[in-house]
Amino acid sequence: MANSRQATKRARQNLTKAENNNVQVTKMRTAIKKVHVAVETGEGDKDALFREAMKQIDRSATKGLIHNNKANRDKAKLAKLVQA
């Protein structure tokens, strides 16, 4: 339990930031899954979904939610999948 006003405020802020981070990571994962589904089923515009997934991955990496190397690795995998 926080003992000072500052610690209480930091605890509140940490909860809010963690919530926002989880939302962003979830958006990224969902975008990646949508690309996989579009490629497997052949339905939907896989190029548009691919671009959206790239945006979400880059945004997550910029915010420090995932490592830059993981972002690059995920983008390379998706690009290879879409081109195949």
PDB file of N, CA and C in Angstrom:
ATOM      1  N   MET A   1       0.849  -1.189   0.000  1.00  0.00           N
ATOM      2  CA  MET A   1       0.000   0.000   0.000  1.00  0.00           C
ATOM      3  C   MET A   1       0.884   1.237   0.000  1.00  0.00           C
ATOM      4  N   ALA A   2       0.492   2.224  -0.763  1.00  0.00           N
ATOM      5  CA  ALA A   2       1.264   3.462  -0.857  1.00  0.00           C
ATOM      6  C   ALA A   2       1.121   4.269   0.429  1.00  0.00           C
ATOM      7  N   ASN A   3       2.244   4.824   0.898  1.00  0.00           N
ATOM      8  CA  ASN A   3       2.245   5.545   2.166  1.00  0.00           C
ATOM      9  C   ASN A   3       2.245   7.055   2.007  1.00  0.00           C
ATOM     10  N   SER A   4       2.516   7.551   0.819  1.00  0.00           N
ATOM     11  CA  SER A   4       2.550   8.995   0.629  1.00  0.00           C
ATOM     12  C   SER A   4       1.633   9.370  -0.534  1.00  0.00           C
ATOM     13  N   ARG A   5       1.339  10.654  -0.630  1.00  0.00           N
ATOM     14  CA  ARG A   5       0.492  11.125  -1.727  1.00  0.00           C
ATOM     15  C   ARG A   5       1.138  10.827  -3.068  1.00  0.00           C
ATOM     16  N   GLN A   6       2.444  11.032  -3.127  1.00  0.00           N
ATOM     17  CA  GLN A   6       3.161  10.790  -4.380  1.00  0.00           C
ATOM     18  C   GLN A   6       3.074   9.317  -4.777  1.00  0.00           C
ATOM     19  N   ALA A   7       3.271   8.430  -3.811  1.00  0.00           N
ATOM     20  CA  ALA A   7       3.227   6.998  -4.101  1.00  0.00           C
ATOM     21  C   ALA A   7       1.819   6.571  -4.519  1.00  0.00           C
ATOM     22  N   THR A   8       0.813   7.171  -3.903  1.00  0.00           N
ATOM     23  CA  THR A   8      -0.568   6.867  -4.271  1.00  0.00           C
ATOM     24  C   THR A   8      -0.838   7.289  -5.710  1.00  0.00           C
ATOM     25  N   LYS A   9      -0.369   8.483  -6.048  1.00  0.00           N
ATOM     26  CA  LYS A   9      -0.565   8.988  -7.408  1.00  0.00           C
ATOM     27  C   LYS A   9       0.170   8.106  -8.414  1.00  0.00           C
ATOM     28  N   ARG A  10       1.410   7.734  -8.106  1.00  0.00           N
ATOM     29  CA  ARG A  10       2.184   6.883  -9.012  1.00  0.00           C
ATOM     30  C   ARG A  10       1.481   5.538  -9.216  1.00  0.00           C
ATOM     31  N   ALA A  11       0.912   4.998  -8.139  1.00  0.00           N
ATOM     32  CA  ALA A  11       0.202   3.724  -8.250  1.00  0.00           C
ATOM     33  C   ALA A  11      -0.997   3.862  -9.188  1.00  0.00           C
ATOM     34  N   ARG A  12      -1.729   4.968  -9.062  1.00  0.00           N
ATOM     35  CA  ARG A  12      -2.869   5.232  -9.947  1.00  0.00           C
ATOM     36  C   ARG A  12      -2.406   5.353 -11.396  1.00  0.00           C
ATOM     37  N   GLN A  13      -1.337   6.113 -11.596  1.00  0.00           N
ATOM     38  CA  GLN A  13      -0.830   6.318 -12.950  1.00  0.00           C
ATOM     39  C   GLN A  13      -0.339   5.010 -13.564  1.00  0.00           C
ATOM     40  N   ASN A  14       0.306   4.187 -12.741  1.00  0.00           N
ATOM     41  CA  ASN A  14       0.809   2.907 -13.246  1.00  0.00           C
ATOM     42  C   ASN A  14      -0.328   2.010 -13.720  1.00  0.00           C
ATOM     43  N   LEU A  15      -1.436   2.013 -12.969  1.00  0.00           N
ATOM     44  CA  LEU A  15      -2.585   1.210 -13.379  1.00  0.00           C
ATOM     45  C   LEU A  15      -3.144   1.702 -14.713  1.00  0.00           C
ATOM     46  N   THR A  16      -3.251   3.015 -14.847  1.00  0.00           N
ATOM     47  CA  THR A  16      -3.777   3.592 -16.085  1.00  0.00           C
ATOM     48  C   THR A  16      -2.866   3.279 -17.263  1.00  0.00           C
ATOM     49  N   LYS A  17      -1.564   3.454 -17.060  1.00  0.00           N
ATOM     50  CA  LYS A  17      -0.613   3.197 -18.143  1.00  0.00           C
ATOM     51  C   LYS A  17      -0.592   1.723 -18.528  1.00  0.00           C
ATOM     52  N   ALA A  18      -0.669   0.839 -17.536  1.00  0.00           N
ATOM     53  CA  ALA A  18      -0.678  -0.591 -17.826  1.00  0.00           C
ATOM     54  C   ALA A  18      -1.914  -0.961 -18.639  1.00  0.00           C
ATOM     55  N   GLU A  19      -3.044  -0.360 -18.292  1.00  0.00           N
ATOM     56  CA  GLU A  19      -4.279  -0.608 -19.025  1.00  0.00           C
ATOM     57  C   GLU A  19      -4.142  -0.165 -20.482  1.00  0.00           C
ATOM     58  N   ASN A  20      -3.605   1.040 -20.677  1.00  0.00           N
ATOM     59  CA  ASN A  20      -3.418   1.563 -22.032  1.00  0.00           C
ATOM     60  C   ASN A  20      -2.432   0.707 -22.824  1.00  0.00           C
ATOM     61  N   ASN A  21      -1.369   0.247 -22.168  1.00  0.00           N
ATOM     62  CA  ASN A  21      -0.386  -0.606 -22.835  1.00  0.00           C
ATOM     63  C   ASN A  21      -1.023  -1.916 -23.272  1.00  0.00           C
ATOM     64  N   ASN A  22      -1.858  -2.492 -22.399  1.00  0.00           N
ATOM     65  CA  ASN A  22      -2.518  -3.747 -22.743  1.00  0.00           C
ATOM     66  C   ASN A  22      -3.447  -3.571 -23.937  1.00  0.00           C
ATOM     67  N   VAL A  23      -4.126  -2.434 -23.999  1.00  0.00           N
ATOM     68  CA  VAL A  23      -5.005  -2.156 -25.137  1.00  0.00           C
ATOM     69  C   VAL A  23      -4.193  -2.108 -26.424  1.00  0.00           C
ATOM     70  N   GLN A  24      -3.055  -1.428 -26.386  1.00  0.00           N
ATOM     71  CA  GLN A  24      -2.228  -1.287 -27.590  1.00  0.00           C
ATOM     72  C   GLN A  24      -1.675  -2.639 -28.044  1.00  0.00           C
ATOM     73  N   VAL A  25      -1.203  -3.445 -27.107  1.00  0.00           N
ATOM     74  CA  VAL A  25      -0.661  -4.761 -27.460  1.00  0.00           C
ATOM     75  C   VAL A  25      -1.770  -5.646 -28.023  1.00  0.00           C
ATOM     76  N   THR A  26      -2.964  -5.550 -27.453  1.00  0.00           N
ATOM     77  CA  THR A  26      -4.095  -6.331 -27.949  1.00  0.00           C
ATOM     78  C   THR A  26      -4.453  -5.924 -29.371  1.00  0.00           C
ATOM     79  N   LYS A  27      -4.444  -4.619 -29.653  1.00  0.00           N
ATOM     80  CA  LYS A  27      -4.718  -4.147 -31.013  1.00  0.00           C
ATOM     81  C   LYS A  27      -3.699  -4.718 -31.994  1.00  0.00           C
ATOM     82  N   MET A  28      -2.434  -4.731 -31.579  1.00  0.00           N
ATOM     83  CA  MET A  28      -1.374  -5.242 -32.437  1.00  0.00           C
ATOM     84  C   MET A  28      -1.595  -6.729 -32.725  1.00  0.00           C
ATOM     85  N   ARG A  29      -1.853  -7.496 -31.688  1.00  0.00           N
ATOM     86  CA  ARG A  29      -2.043  -8.936 -31.863  1.00  0.00           C
ATOM     87  C   ARG A  29      -3.260  -9.236 -32.728  1.00  0.00           C
ATOM     88  N   THR A  30      -4.321  -8.471 -32.532  1.00  0.00           N
ATOM     89  CA  THR A  30      -5.530  -8.663 -33.327  1.00  0.00           C
ATOM     90  C   THR A  30      -5.260  -8.370 -34.799  1.00  0.00           C
ATOM     91  N   ALA A  31      -4.515  -7.304 -35.069  1.00  0.00           N
ATOM     92  CA  ALA A  31      -4.186  -6.957 -36.455  1.00  0.00           C
ATOM     93  C   ALA A  31      -3.370  -8.074 -37.106  1.00  0.00           C
ATOM     94  N   ILE A  32      -2.438  -8.640 -36.353  1.00  0.00           N
ATOM     95  CA  ILE A  32      -1.619  -9.740 -36.879  1.00  0.00           C
ATOM     96  C   ILE A  32      -2.495 -10.954 -37.175  1.00  0.00           C
ATOM     97  N   LYS A  33      -3.413 -11.267 -36.263  1.00  0.00           N
ATOM     98  CA  LYS A  33      -4.300 -12.411 -36.463  1.00  0.00           C
ATOM     99  C   LYS A  33      -5.191 -12.211 -37.683  1.00  0.00           C
ATOM    100  N   LYS A  34      -5.643 -10.974 -37.895  1.00  0.00           N
ATOM    101  CA  LYS A  34      -6.495 -10.695 -39.053  1.00  0.00           C
ATOM    102  C   LYS A  34      -5.749 -10.952 -40.356  1.00  0.00           C
ATOM    103  N   VAL A  35      -4.465 -10.630 -40.386  1.00  0.00           N
ATOM    104  CA  VAL A  35      -3.663 -10.895 -41.583  1.00  0.00           C
ATOM    105  C   VAL A  35      -3.564 -12.402 -41.806  1.00  0.00           C
ATOM    106  N   HIS A  36      -3.307 -13.147 -40.740  1.00  0.00           N
ATOM    107  CA  HIS A  36      -3.199 -14.606 -40.858  1.00  0.00           C
ATOM    108  C   HIS A  36      -4.505 -15.204 -41.395  1.00  0.00           C
ATOM    109  N   VAL A  37      -5.627 -14.745 -40.858  1.00  0.00           N
ATOM    110  CA  VAL A  37      -6.926 -15.265 -41.297  1.00  0.00           C
ATOM    111  C   VAL A  37      -7.180 -14.907 -42.755  1.00  0.00           C
ATOM    112  N   ALA A  38      -6.855 -13.680 -43.146  1.00  0.00           N
ATOM    113  CA  ALA A  38      -7.076 -13.250 -44.529  1.00  0.00           C
ATOM    114  C   ALA A  38      -6.239 -14.073 -45.499  1.00  0.00           C
ATOM    115  N   VAL A  39      -5.018 -14.397 -45.114  1.00  0.00           N
ATOM    116  CA  VAL A  39      -4.149 -15.186 -45.992  1.00  0.00           C
ATOM    117  C   VAL A  39      -4.656 -16.627 -46.082  1.00  0.00           C
ATOM    118  N   GLU A  40      -5.074 -17.190 -44.945  1.00  0.00           N
ATOM    119  CA  GLU A  40      -5.525 -18.582 -44.933  1.00  0.00           C
ATOM    120  C   GLU A  40      -6.828 -18.772 -45.707  1.00  0.00           C
ATOM    121  N   THR A  41      -7.778 -17.861 -45.490  1.00  0.00           N
ATOM    122  CA  THR A  41      -9.091 -18.027 -46.112  1.00  0.00           C
ATOM    123  C   THR A  41      -9.173 -17.393 -47.487  1.00  0.00           C
ATOM    124  N   GLY A  42      -8.308 -16.443 -47.765  1.00  0.00           N
ATOM    125  CA  GLY A  42      -8.354 -15.746 -49.042  1.00  0.00           C
ATOM    126  C   GLY A  42      -9.415 -14.664 -49.084  1.00  0.00           C
ATOM    127  N   GLU A  43     -10.074 -14.430 -47.959  1.00  0.00           N
ATOM    128  CA  GLU A  43     -11.114 -13.403 -47.886  1.00  0.00           C
ATOM    129  C   GLU A  43     -10.532 -12.118 -47.325  1.00  0.00           C
ATOM    130  N   GLY A  44     -11.078 -10.999 -47.753  1.00  0.00           N
ATOM    131  CA  GLY A  44     -10.626  -9.712 -47.243  1.00  0.00           C
ATOM    132  C   GLY A  44      -9.430  -9.190 -48.022  1.00  0.00           C
ATOM    133  N   ASP A  45      -9.148  -7.926 -47.809  1.00  0.00           N
ATOM    134  CA  ASP A  45      -8.029  -7.278 -48.489  1.00  0.00           C
ATOM    135  C   ASP A  45      -6.779  -7.465 -47.637  1.00  0.00           C
ATOM    136  N   LYS A  46      -5.993  -8.475 -47.977  1.00  0.00           N
ATOM    137  CA  LYS A  46      -4.838  -8.785 -47.139  1.00  0.00           C
ATOM    138  C   LYS A  46      -3.785  -7.690 -47.170  1.00  0.00           C
ATOM    139  N   ASP A  47      -3.707  -6.922 -48.261  1.00  0.00           N
ATOM    140  CA  ASP A  47      -2.725  -5.836 -48.319  1.00  0.00           C
ATOM    141  C   ASP A  47      -3.078  -4.719 -47.342  1.00  0.00           C
ATOM    142  N   ALA A  48      -4.359  -4.364 -47.275  1.00  0.00           N
ATOM    143  CA  ALA A  48      -4.788  -3.320 -46.337  1.00  0.00           C
ATOM    144  C   ALA A  48      -4.611  -3.793 -44.899  1.00  0.00           C
ATOM    145  N   LEU A  49      -4.947  -5.043 -44.642  1.00  0.00           N
ATOM    146  CA  LEU A  49      -4.769  -5.594 -43.294  1.00  0.00           C
ATOM    147  C   LEU A  49      -3.289  -5.660 -42.932  1.00  0.00           C
ATOM    148  N   PHE A  50      -2.464  -5.977 -43.918  1.00  0.00           N
ATOM    149  CA  PHE A  50      -1.019  -6.030 -43.700  1.00  0.00           C
ATOM    150  C   PHE A  50      -0.485  -4.655 -43.323  1.00  0.00           C
ATOM    151  N   ARG A  51      -0.922  -3.612 -44.045  1.00  0.00           N
ATOM    152  CA  ARG A  51      -0.475  -2.247 -43.729  1.00  0.00           C
ATOM    153  C   ARG A  51      -0.909  -1.839 -42.323  1.00  0.00           C
ATOM    154  N   GLU A  52      -2.132  -2.195 -41.947  1.00  0.00           N
ATOM    155  CA  GLU A  52      -2.626  -1.862 -40.605  1.00  0.00           C
ATOM    156  C   GLU A  52      -1.802  -2.589 -39.542  1.00  0.00           C
ATOM    157  N   ALA A  53      -1.460  -3.845 -39.798  1.00  0.00           N
ATOM    158  CA  ALA A  53      -0.643  -4.601 -38.851  1.00  0.00           C
ATOM    159  C   ALA A  53       0.741  -3.966 -38.707  1.00  0.00           C
ATOM    160  N   MET A  54       1.311  -3.505 -39.821  1.00  0.00           N
ATOM    161  CA  MET A  54       2.617  -2.829 -39.764  1.00  0.00           C
ATOM    162  C   MET A  54       2.537  -1.584 -38.882  1.00  0.00           C
ATOM    163  N   LYS A  55       1.462  -0.817 -39.043  1.00  0.00           N
ATOM    164  CA  LYS A  55       1.286   0.387 -38.226  1.00  0.00           C
ATOM    165  C   LYS A  55       1.221   0.035 -36.748  1.00  0.00           C
ATOM    166  N   GLN A  56       0.441  -0.989 -36.429  1.00  0.00           N
ATOM    167  CA  GLN A  56       0.266  -1.369 -35.026  1.00  0.00           C
ATOM    168  C   GLN A  56       1.578  -1.894 -34.433  1.00  0.00           C
ATOM    169  N   ILE A  57       2.316  -2.664 -35.209  1.00  0.00           N
ATOM    170  CA  ILE A  57       3.594  -3.191 -34.726  1.00  0.00           C
ATOM    171  C   ILE A  57       4.574  -2.050 -34.493  1.00  0.00           C
ATOM    172  N   ASP A  58       4.658  -1.129 -35.453  1.00  0.00           N
ATOM    173  CA  ASP A  58       5.561   0.015 -35.300  1.00  0.00           C
ATOM    174  C   ASP A  58       5.173   0.869 -34.098  1.00  0.00           C
ATOM    175  N   ARG A  59       3.878   1.070 -33.913  1.00  0.00           N
ATOM    176  CA  ARG A  59       3.406   1.884 -32.789  1.00  0.00           C
ATOM    177  C   ARG A  59       3.778   1.226 -31.457  1.00  0.00           C
ATOM    178  N   SER A  60       3.624  -0.085 -31.376  1.00  0.00           N
ATOM    179  CA  SER A  60       3.971  -0.794 -30.146  1.00  0.00           C
ATOM    180  C   SER A  60       5.470  -0.724 -29.871  1.00  0.00           C
ATOM    181  N   ALA A  61       6.271  -0.824 -30.918  1.00  0.00           N
ATOM    182  CA  ALA A  61       7.723  -0.750 -30.748  1.00  0.00           C
ATOM    183  C   ALA A  61       8.143   0.656 -30.340  1.00  0.00           C
ATOM    184  N   THR A  62       7.526   1.669 -30.946  1.00  0.00           N
ATOM    185  CA  THR A  62       7.861   3.056 -30.624  1.00  0.00           C
ATOM    186  C   THR A  62       7.554   3.364 -29.165  1.00  0.00           C
ATOM    187  N   LYS A  63       6.449   2.813 -28.675  1.00  0.00           N
ATOM    188  CA  LYS A  63       6.048   3.063 -27.289  1.00  0.00           C
ATOM    189  C   LYS A  63       6.827   2.200 -26.303  1.00  0.00           C
ATOM    190  N   GLY A  64       7.654   1.291 -26.814  1.00  0.00           N
ATOM    191  CA  GLY A  64       8.464   0.462 -25.935  1.00  0.00           C
ATOM    192  C   GLY A  64       7.723  -0.738 -25.380  1.00  0.00           C
ATOM    193  N   LEU A  65       6.606  -1.089 -25.988  1.00  0.00           N
ATOM    194  CA  LEU A  65       5.828  -2.222 -25.502  1.00  0.00           C
ATOM    195  C   LEU A  65       6.417  -3.545 -25.966  1.00  0.00           C
ATOM    196  N   ILE A  66       7.060  -3.515 -27.128  1.00  0.00           N
ATOM    197  CA  ILE A  66       7.796  -4.681 -27.608  1.00  0.00           C
ATOM    198  C   ILE A  66       9.170  -4.198 -28.058  1.00  0.00           C
ATOM    199  N   HIS A  67      10.118  -5.097 -28.082  1.00  0.00           N
ATOM    200  CA  HIS A  67      11.480  -4.755 -28.481  1.00  0.00           C
ATOM    201  C   HIS A  67      11.523  -4.506 -29.985  1.00  0.00           C
ATOM    202  N   ASN A  68      12.413  -3.633 -30.407  1.00  0.00           N
ATOM    203  CA  ASN A  68      12.536  -3.313 -31.834  1.00  0.00           C
ATOM    204  C   ASN A  68      12.856  -4.547 -32.670  1.00  0.00           C
ATOM    205  N   ASN A  69      13.676  -5.437 -32.136  1.00  0.00           N
ATOM    206  CA  ASN A  69      14.019  -6.652 -32.885  1.00  0.00           C
ATOM    207  C   ASN A  69      12.791  -7.539 -33.077  1.00  0.00           C
ATOM    208  N   LYS A  70      11.953  -7.636 -32.053  1.00  0.00           N
ATOM    209  CA  LYS A  70      10.720  -8.415 -32.174  1.00  0.00           C
ATOM    210  C   LYS A  70       9.804  -7.784 -33.207  1.00  0.00           C
ATOM    211  N   ALA A  71       9.733  -6.462 -33.212  1.00  0.00           N
ATOM    212  CA  ALA A  71       8.893  -5.768 -34.193  1.00  0.00           C
ATOM    213  C   ALA A  71       9.377  -6.085 -35.608  1.00  0.00           C
ATOM    214  N   ASN A  72      10.672  -5.982 -35.824  1.00  0.00           N
ATOM    215  CA  ASN A  72      11.227  -6.270 -37.151  1.00  0.00           C
ATOM    216  C   ASN A  72      11.010  -7.726 -37.547  1.00  0.00           C
ATOM    217  N   ARG A  73      11.161  -8.618 -36.591  1.00  0.00           N
ATOM    218  CA  ARG A  73      10.963 -10.044 -36.848  1.00  0.00           C
ATOM    219  C   ARG A  73       9.503 -10.319 -37.228  1.00  0.00           C
ATOM    220  N   ASP A  74       8.574  -9.735 -36.478  1.00  0.00           N
ATOM    221  CA  ASP A  74       7.153  -9.936 -36.770  1.00  0.00           C
ATOM    222  C   ASP A  74       6.777  -9.365 -38.136  1.00  0.00           C
ATOM    223  N   LYS A  75       7.317  -8.192 -38.448  1.00  0.00           N
ATOM    224  CA  LYS A  75       7.012  -7.573 -39.740  1.00  0.00           C
ATOM    225  C   LYS A  75       7.564  -8.423 -40.885  1.00  0.00           C
ATOM    226  N   ALA A  76       8.753  -8.970 -40.710  1.00  0.00           N
ATOM    227  CA  ALA A  76       9.349  -9.809 -41.752  1.00  0.00           C
ATOM    228  C   ALA A  76       8.524 -11.077 -41.960  1.00  0.00           C
ATOM    229  N   LYS A  77       8.068 -11.678 -40.870  1.00  0.00           N
ATOM    230  CA  LYS A  77       7.244 -12.883 -40.974  1.00  0.00           C
ATOM    231  C   LYS A  77       5.946 -12.601 -41.723  1.00  0.00           C
ATOM    232  N   LEU A  78       5.309 -11.480 -41.369  1.00  0.00           N
ATOM    233  CA  LEU A  78       4.051 -11.138 -42.029  1.00  0.00           C
ATOM    234  C   LEU A  78       4.265 -10.834 -43.511  1.00  0.00           C
ATOM    235  N   ALA A  79       5.337 -10.117 -43.824  1.00  0.00           N
ATOM    236  CA  ALA A  79       5.619  -9.787 -45.224  1.00  0.00           C
ATOM    237  C   ALA A  79       5.829 -11.063 -46.036  1.00  0.00           C
ATOM    238  N   LYS A  80       6.558 -11.994 -45.462  1.00  0.00           N
ATOM    239  CA  LYS A  80       6.811 -13.264 -46.137  1.00  0.00           C
ATOM    240  C   LYS A  80       5.505 -14.035 -46.337  1.00  0.00           C
ATOM    241  N   LEU A  81       4.649 -13.997 -45.335  1.00  0.00           N
ATOM    242  CA  LEU A  81       3.367 -14.691 -45.399  1.00  0.00           C
ATOM    243  C   LEU A  81       2.460 -14.091 -46.475  1.00  0.00           C
ATOM    244  N   VAL A  82       2.408 -12.767 -46.529  1.00  0.00           N
ATOM    245  CA  VAL A  82       1.530 -12.089 -47.485  1.00  0.00           C
ATOM    246  C   VAL A  82       2.026 -12.281 -48.916  1.00  0.00           C
ATOM    247  N   GLN A  83       3.333 -12.297 -49.113  1.00  0.00           N
ATOM    248  CA  GLN A  83       3.887 -12.445 -50.457  1.00  0.00           C
ATOM    249  C   GLN A  83       3.766 -13.868 -50.987  1.00  0.00           C
ATOM    250  N   ALA A  84       3.662 -14.833 -50.090  1.00  0.00           N
ATOM    251  CA  ALA A  84       3.608 -16.241 -50.510  1.00  0.00           C
ATOM    252  C   ALA A  84       2.291 -16.596 -51.177  1.00  0.00           C
TER     253      ALA A  84
END
